[in-house]
Amino acid sequence: MIDPPAWLSGLMAEIGRHHVGITLGLAMSRLERSCKNWHQLAELCGIFGTPLANQDGAYDPIDYNDGLLVLCGMMSEAELHVIRSSLHDGSRAVAR
């Protein structure tokens, strides 16, 4: 199992201590590429009532509609898988 990056572990610890009022991110899609890390953060924010925000708005992970933000994370990971698969297939075709 891969541990989250140190900065993310620190952020999650601070959220758990109620030291964070809102989690701001400029490039949340980069975090969304790792479903495990993204889900841990979103779940923890939901448990402690910490909204997530990016340049498009603020989201409450407990709210059903805002929970769709997590779905976007899964879509980002699926898209990354498709891109990697295509690149790998292209490399194999060139090698043949």
Protein backbone atom coordinates (compact mmCIF):
# COMPACT_ATOMS: atom_id res chain seq x y z
CA MET A 1 0.00 0.00 0.00
CA ILE A 2 1.29 3.46 -0.90
CA ASP A 3 1.27 6.05 1.87
CA PRO A 4 -0.02 9.54 1.09
CA PRO A 5 2.57 12.28 0.50
CA ALA A 6 3.91 13.92 3.67
CA TRP A 7 2.08 17.20 3.00
CA LEU A 8 -1.22 15.35 2.66
CA SER A 9 -0.66 13.35 5.85
CA GLY A 10 0.05 16.61 7.67
CA LEU A 11 -3.06 18.25 6.24
CA MET A 12 -5.23 15.30 7.25
CA ALA A 13 -3.77 15.36 10.77
CA GLU A 14 -4.57 19.07 11.09
CA ILE A 15 -8.13 18.50 9.82
CA GLY A 16 -8.53 15.76 12.45
CA ARG A 17 -7.44 18.20 15.15
CA HIS A 18 -10.07 20.75 13.99
CA HIS A 19 -7.28 23.19 13.05
CA VAL A 20 -8.49 23.58 9.45
CA GLY A 21 -11.60 25.60 8.58
CA ILE A 22 -11.52 25.00 4.82
CA THR A 23 -9.24 23.08 2.49
CA LEU A 24 -8.25 25.20 -0.51
CA GLY A 25 -6.67 23.80 -3.64
CA LEU A 26 -5.70 25.32 -6.97
CA ALA A 27 -5.14 22.03 -8.82
CA MET A 28 -7.39 19.49 -7.11
CA SER A 29 -7.32 17.39 -10.29
CA ARG A 30 -3.70 16.49 -9.49
CA LEU A 31 -4.80 15.02 -6.15
CA GLU A 32 -7.81 13.37 -7.79
CA ARG A 33 -5.44 11.23 -9.87
CA SER A 34 -4.90 9.11 -6.77
CA CYS A 35 -8.34 7.86 -5.82
CA LYS A 36 -7.16 6.52 -2.46
CA ASN A 37 -5.67 9.85 -1.35
CA TRP A 38 -8.60 11.84 -2.73
CA HIS A 39 -11.20 9.66 -1.00
CA GLN A 40 -9.34 9.78 2.30
CA LEU A 41 -9.19 13.56 2.18
CA ALA A 42 -12.83 13.96 1.10
CA GLU A 43 -14.05 11.51 3.74
CA LEU A 44 -12.03 13.15 6.49
CA CYS A 45 -13.29 16.59 5.47
CA GLY A 46 -16.84 15.22 5.59
CA ILE A 47 -16.38 13.72 9.05
CA PHE A 48 -14.95 16.93 10.51
CA GLY A 49 -17.16 19.35 8.56
CA THR A 50 -14.30 20.89 6.59
CA PRO A 51 -15.37 22.19 3.17
CA LEU A 52 -13.16 21.66 0.12
CA ALA A 53 -12.69 24.57 -2.27
CA ASN A 54 -11.01 25.27 -5.58
CA GLN A 55 -11.17 28.12 -8.07
CA ASP A 56 -14.66 26.98 -9.14
CA GLY A 57 -16.28 27.07 -5.71
CA ALA A 58 -16.60 25.48 -2.28
CA TYR A 59 -17.93 21.97 -1.73
CA ASP A 60 -19.31 20.20 1.33
CA PRO A 61 -18.28 16.53 1.07
CA ILE A 62 -21.33 15.48 3.12
CA ASP A 63 -23.81 17.09 0.70
CA TYR A 64 -25.09 14.67 -1.97
CA ASN A 65 -24.61 17.06 -4.88
CA ASP A 66 -21.19 18.15 -3.70
CA GLY A 67 -20.31 14.49 -3.24
CA LEU A 68 -20.28 14.31 -7.03
CA LEU A 69 -16.92 16.06 -6.71
CA VAL A 70 -15.56 12.69 -5.55
CA LEU A 71 -16.98 11.13 -8.70
CA CYS A 72 -14.96 13.62 -10.73
CA GLY A 73 -11.88 12.26 -8.98
CA MET A 74 -12.69 8.74 -10.06
CA MET A 75 -13.22 9.95 -13.64
CA SER A 76 -9.81 11.63 -13.57
CA GLU A 77 -8.19 8.38 -12.48
CA ALA A 78 -10.03 6.43 -15.20
CA GLU A 79 -8.94 8.96 -17.81
CA LEU A 80 -5.33 8.66 -16.65
CA HIS A 81 -5.57 4.86 -16.96
CA VAL A 82 -6.89 5.14 -20.54
CA ILE A 83 -4.09 7.55 -21.49
CA ARG A 84 -1.42 5.27 -20.01
CA SER A 85 -2.92 2.25 -21.75
CA SER A 86 -2.96 4.05 -25.10
CA LEU A 87 0.66 5.16 -24.69
CA HIS A 88 1.70 1.62 -23.76
CA ASP A 89 -0.16 0.14 -26.75
CA GLY A 90 1.46 2.71 -29.05
CA SER A 91 4.92 1.87 -27.73
CA ARG A 92 4.31 -1.84 -28.30
CA ALA A 93 3.06 -1.20 -31.83
CA VAL A 94 6.18 0.83 -32.65
CA ALA A 95 8.37 -1.92 -31.20
CA ARG A 96 6.73 -4.52 -33.44
